[in-house]
Amino acid sequence: MSGRLNFFLAIVLIACALSLINSQYQARRLFIELERAQSLSKQYDLQWTQLKLDQSTFGKHARIEAAASKELNMVPVTPERTQYLTAVVVK
């Protein structure tokens, strides 16, 4: 009887040890995955900040006007160049 009990306890001990090893492996794997996700999140935050800065820089009226006149050869509208359309009512 004592031999059977010792064998049963040894099996339970081995099962507990394997379970502990597996849980530690899973914890390490999840921790590494968490670290990677946090690193990626920091990269995305940095990119988002850079994009917001670019948007505020490129969206300024003076910069848009300068690019339009220089690159697209556009000129400001003057009253002399403005054409007014009138609606003609046909009866």
C-alpha atoms as a PDB file:
ATOM      1  CA  MET A   1       0.000   0.000   0.000  1.00  0.00           C
ATOM      2  CA  SER A   2       2.818   2.406   0.874  1.00  0.00           C
ATOM      3  CA  GLY A   3       4.496   1.647  -2.490  1.00  0.00           C
ATOM      4  CA  ARG A   4       1.329   2.482  -4.397  1.00  0.00           C
ATOM      5  CA  LEU A   5       0.895   5.708  -2.444  1.00  0.00           C
ATOM      6  CA  ASN A   6       4.517   6.723  -3.108  1.00  0.00           C
ATOM      7  CA  PHE A   7       4.083   5.948  -6.834  1.00  0.00           C
ATOM      8  CA  PHE A   8       0.847   7.949  -6.972  1.00  0.00           C
ATOM      9  CA  LEU A   9       2.438  10.893  -5.166  1.00  0.00           C
ATOM     10  CA  ALA A  10       5.452  10.750  -7.503  1.00  0.00           C
ATOM     11  CA  ILE A  11       3.118  10.877 -10.530  1.00  0.00           C
ATOM     12  CA  VAL A  12       1.236  13.822  -9.000  1.00  0.00           C
ATOM     13  CA  LEU A  13       4.553  15.562  -8.247  1.00  0.00           C
ATOM     14  CA  ILE A  14       5.758  15.084 -11.840  1.00  0.00           C
ATOM     15  CA  ALA A  15       2.439  16.357 -13.203  1.00  0.00           C
ATOM     16  CA  CYS A  16       2.650  19.443 -10.967  1.00  0.00           C
ATOM     17  CA  ALA A  17       6.254  20.080 -12.045  1.00  0.00           C
ATOM     18  CA  LEU A  18       5.334  19.812 -15.738  1.00  0.00           C
ATOM     19  CA  SER A  19       2.368  22.095 -15.175  1.00  0.00           C
ATOM     20  CA  LEU A  20       4.623  24.646 -13.466  1.00  0.00           C
ATOM     21  CA  ILE A  21       7.142  24.506 -16.317  1.00  0.00           C
ATOM     22  CA  ASN A  22       4.366  24.987 -18.866  1.00  0.00           C
ATOM     23  CA  SER A  23       2.851  27.930 -16.999  1.00  0.00           C
ATOM     24  CA  GLN A  24       6.253  29.624 -16.653  1.00  0.00           C
ATOM     25  CA  TYR A  25       6.870  29.142 -20.384  1.00  0.00           C
ATOM     26  CA  GLN A  26       3.472  30.653 -21.211  1.00  0.00           C
ATOM     27  CA  ALA A  27       4.120  33.582 -18.847  1.00  0.00           C
ATOM     28  CA  ARG A  28       7.476  34.319 -20.498  1.00  0.00           C
ATOM     29  CA  ARG A  29       5.959  34.056 -23.978  1.00  0.00           C
ATOM     30  CA  LEU A  30       3.126  36.430 -23.052  1.00  0.00           C
ATOM     31  CA  PHE A  31       5.551  38.861 -21.408  1.00  0.00           C
ATOM     32  CA  ILE A  32       7.676  38.977 -24.569  1.00  0.00           C
ATOM     33  CA  GLU A  33       4.549  39.529 -26.656  1.00  0.00           C
ATOM     34  CA  LEU A  34       3.475  42.335 -24.303  1.00  0.00           C
ATOM     35  CA  GLU A  35       6.894  44.015 -24.581  1.00  0.00           C
ATOM     36  CA  ARG A  36       6.711  43.862 -28.387  1.00  0.00           C
ATOM     37  CA  ALA A  37       3.213  45.340 -28.374  1.00  0.00           C
ATOM     38  CA  GLN A  38       4.300  48.164 -26.065  1.00  0.00           C
ATOM     39  CA  SER A  39       7.297  48.897 -28.267  1.00  0.00           C
ATOM     40  CA  LEU A  40       5.065  49.002 -31.340  1.00  0.00           C
ATOM     41  CA  SER A  41       2.647  51.278 -29.489  1.00  0.00           C
ATOM     42  CA  LYS A  42       5.485  53.696 -28.695  1.00  0.00           C
ATOM     43  CA  GLN A  43       6.497  53.700 -32.373  1.00  0.00           C
ATOM     44  CA  TYR A  44       2.937  54.446 -33.438  1.00  0.00           C
ATOM     45  CA  ASP A  45       2.682  57.272 -30.889  1.00  0.00           C
ATOM     46  CA  LEU A  46       5.902  58.776 -32.223  1.00  0.00           C
ATOM     47  CA  GLN A  47       4.661  58.513 -35.813  1.00  0.00           C
ATOM     48  CA  TRP A  48       1.304  60.058 -34.843  1.00  0.00           C
ATOM     49  CA  THR A  49       3.072  62.993 -33.199  1.00  0.00           C
ATOM     50  CA  GLN A  50       5.226  63.480 -36.295  1.00  0.00           C
ATOM     51  CA  LEU A  51       2.189  63.341 -38.572  1.00  0.00           C
ATOM     52  CA  LYS A  52       0.333  65.918 -36.477  1.00  0.00           C
ATOM     53  CA  LEU A  53       3.372  68.195 -36.643  1.00  0.00           C
ATOM     54  CA  ASP A  54       3.577  67.733 -40.426  1.00  0.00           C
ATOM     55  CA  GLN A  55      -0.125  68.441 -40.793  1.00  0.00           C
ATOM     56  CA  SER A  56       0.114  71.665 -38.823  1.00  0.00           C
ATOM     57  CA  THR A  57       3.172  72.724 -40.839  1.00  0.00           C
ATOM     58  CA  PHE A  58       1.852  71.863 -44.283  1.00  0.00           C
ATOM     59  CA  GLY A  59      -1.663  73.080 -43.559  1.00  0.00           C
ATOM     60  CA  LYS A  60      -0.732  76.689 -42.882  1.00  0.00           C
ATOM     61  CA  HIS A  61      -2.403  79.162 -45.216  1.00  0.00           C
ATOM     62  CA  ALA A  62       0.799  81.003 -46.112  1.00  0.00           C
ATOM     63  CA  ARG A  63       2.559  77.783 -47.102  1.00  0.00           C
ATOM     64  CA  ILE A  64      -0.371  76.641 -49.224  1.00  0.00           C
ATOM     65  CA  GLU A  65      -0.558  80.031 -50.938  1.00  0.00           C
ATOM     66  CA  ALA A  66       3.183  80.052 -51.620  1.00  0.00           C
ATOM     67  CA  ALA A  67       3.082  76.535 -53.075  1.00  0.00           C
ATOM     68  CA  ALA A  68       0.069  77.402 -55.225  1.00  0.00           C
ATOM     69  CA  SER A  69       1.735  80.474 -56.710  1.00  0.00           C
ATOM     70  CA  LYS A  70       5.185  78.906 -57.126  1.00  0.00           C
ATOM     71  CA  GLU A  71       4.471  75.341 -58.222  1.00  0.00           C
ATOM     72  CA  LEU A  72       1.063  75.716 -59.868  1.00  0.00           C
ATOM     73  CA  ASN A  73       1.519  79.271 -61.214  1.00  0.00           C
ATOM     74  CA  MET A  74      -1.727  80.368 -59.626  1.00  0.00           C
ATOM     75  CA  VAL A  75      -2.473  84.023 -58.982  1.00  0.00           C
ATOM     76  CA  PRO A  76      -4.865  85.610 -56.517  1.00  0.00           C
ATOM     77  CA  VAL A  77      -8.299  86.508 -57.810  1.00  0.00           C
ATOM     78  CA  THR A  78      -8.881  90.198 -58.351  1.00  0.00           C
ATOM     79  CA  PRO A  79     -12.189  91.972 -58.961  1.00  0.00           C
ATOM     80  CA  GLU A  80     -11.097  92.726 -62.548  1.00  0.00           C
ATOM     81  CA  ARG A  81     -10.746  89.009 -63.287  1.00  0.00           C
ATOM     82  CA  THR A  82     -13.959  87.976 -61.591  1.00  0.00           C
ATOM     83  CA  GLN A  83     -16.780  86.951 -63.876  1.00  0.00           C
ATOM     84  CA  TYR A  84     -20.307  87.075 -62.568  1.00  0.00           C
ATOM     85  CA  LEU A  85     -22.948  84.760 -63.945  1.00  0.00           C
ATOM     86  CA  THR A  86     -26.536  85.788 -64.076  1.00  0.00           C
ATOM     87  CA  ALA A  87     -29.473  83.460 -64.329  1.00  0.00           C
ATOM     88  CA  VAL A  88     -31.576  83.895 -67.422  1.00  0.00           C
ATOM     89  CA  VAL A  89     -35.216  83.028 -66.943  1.00  0.00           C
ATOM     90  CA  VAL A  90     -36.868  81.790 -70.119  1.00  0.00           C
ATOM     91  CA  LYS A  91     -40.653  82.055 -70.302  1.00  0.00           C
END
